[in-house]
Amino acid sequence: MISYEPFWNTLKQSDETTYTLINRHHISSAIIDKLRKNKPLNTTTINDLCRILHCQIQDIAQYIPSDSDQTL
């Protein structure tokens, strides 16, 4: 499972908020909802978040092994 918990910690440490992400940087509220619910994001969105927050990908997402992962 991909967790976006690191994103929320990174966001707290930055000068940005969900409001500024939506209104200044044009990140959709649907993306914010996906981050809240650990839903899939595309790499372009992750790239945008890294650029906005001046961080690395591991500051946005982490992989957590889970028994509920899809079967390969």
Protein backbone atom coordinates (compact mmCIF):
# COMPACT_ATOMS: atom_id res chain seq x y z
CA MET A 1 0.00 0.00 0.00
CA ILE A 2 1.19 3.50 -0.74
CA SER A 3 0.75 5.88 2.19
CA TYR A 4 0.81 9.65 1.82
CA GLU A 5 1.37 10.25 5.52
CA PRO A 6 4.83 11.73 4.76
CA PHE A 7 3.09 14.32 2.56
CA TRP A 8 1.06 15.62 5.49
CA ASN A 9 4.17 15.90 7.68
CA THR A 10 6.03 17.69 4.87
CA LEU A 11 3.09 20.03 4.31
CA LYS A 12 2.98 20.95 8.02
CA GLN A 13 6.69 21.84 7.92
CA SER A 14 6.29 24.01 4.82
CA ASP A 15 4.81 27.45 4.28
CA GLU A 16 2.03 25.86 2.21
CA THR A 17 -1.44 24.68 3.19
CA THR A 18 -4.11 22.72 1.37
CA TYR A 19 -5.68 26.12 0.63
CA THR A 20 -2.54 27.44 -1.06
CA LEU A 21 -2.03 24.17 -2.93
CA ILE A 22 -5.52 24.50 -4.39
CA ASN A 23 -5.69 28.25 -4.95
CA ARG A 24 -2.09 29.30 -5.66
CA HIS A 25 -0.66 26.14 -7.21
CA HIS A 26 -3.82 24.81 -8.87
CA ILE A 27 -3.71 21.36 -7.26
CA SER A 28 -7.29 20.12 -7.47
CA SER A 29 -9.35 19.41 -4.39
CA ALA A 30 -9.80 15.89 -5.83
CA ILE A 31 -6.02 15.38 -5.53
CA ILE A 32 -6.10 16.56 -1.91
CA ASP A 33 -8.92 14.06 -1.30
CA LYS A 34 -6.85 11.26 -2.90
CA LEU A 35 -3.94 12.15 -0.61
CA ARG A 36 -6.24 12.00 2.42
CA LYS A 37 -7.57 8.58 1.39
CA ASN A 38 -4.26 7.08 0.17
CA LYS A 39 -5.71 6.65 -3.32
CA PRO A 40 -3.47 6.30 -6.40
CA LEU A 41 -1.80 9.42 -7.82
CA ASN A 42 0.11 9.71 -11.07
CA THR A 43 3.80 10.53 -11.11
CA THR A 44 3.19 13.94 -12.69
CA THR A 45 1.19 14.95 -9.62
CA ILE A 46 3.86 13.62 -7.28
CA ASN A 47 6.46 15.54 -9.29
CA ASP A 48 4.39 18.74 -8.95
CA LEU A 49 4.06 18.28 -5.20
CA CYS A 50 7.82 17.70 -4.83
CA ARG A 51 8.51 20.85 -6.85
CA ILE A 52 6.03 22.97 -4.87
CA LEU A 53 7.19 21.69 -1.48
CA HIS A 54 10.91 21.56 -2.42
CA CYS A 55 11.21 17.97 -1.26
CA GLN A 56 12.07 14.45 -2.35
CA ILE A 57 9.58 11.74 -3.34
CA GLN A 58 10.02 9.96 0.01
CA ASP A 59 8.73 13.17 1.64
CA ILE A 60 5.44 12.62 -0.23
CA ALA A 61 4.83 8.86 -0.20
CA GLN A 62 6.01 5.61 1.31
CA TYR A 63 5.35 1.96 0.57
CA ILE A 64 3.91 -0.12 3.40
CA PRO A 65 3.55 -3.88 2.77
CA SER A 66 -0.03 -4.97 3.27
CA ASP A 67 -1.99 -8.22 3.11
CA SER A 68 -4.74 -6.33 1.28
CA ASP A 69 -2.48 -5.45 -1.67
CA GLN A 70 -3.71 -6.76 -5.00
CA THR A 71 -2.56 -10.20 -6.04
CA LEU A 72 0.29 -10.19 -8.54
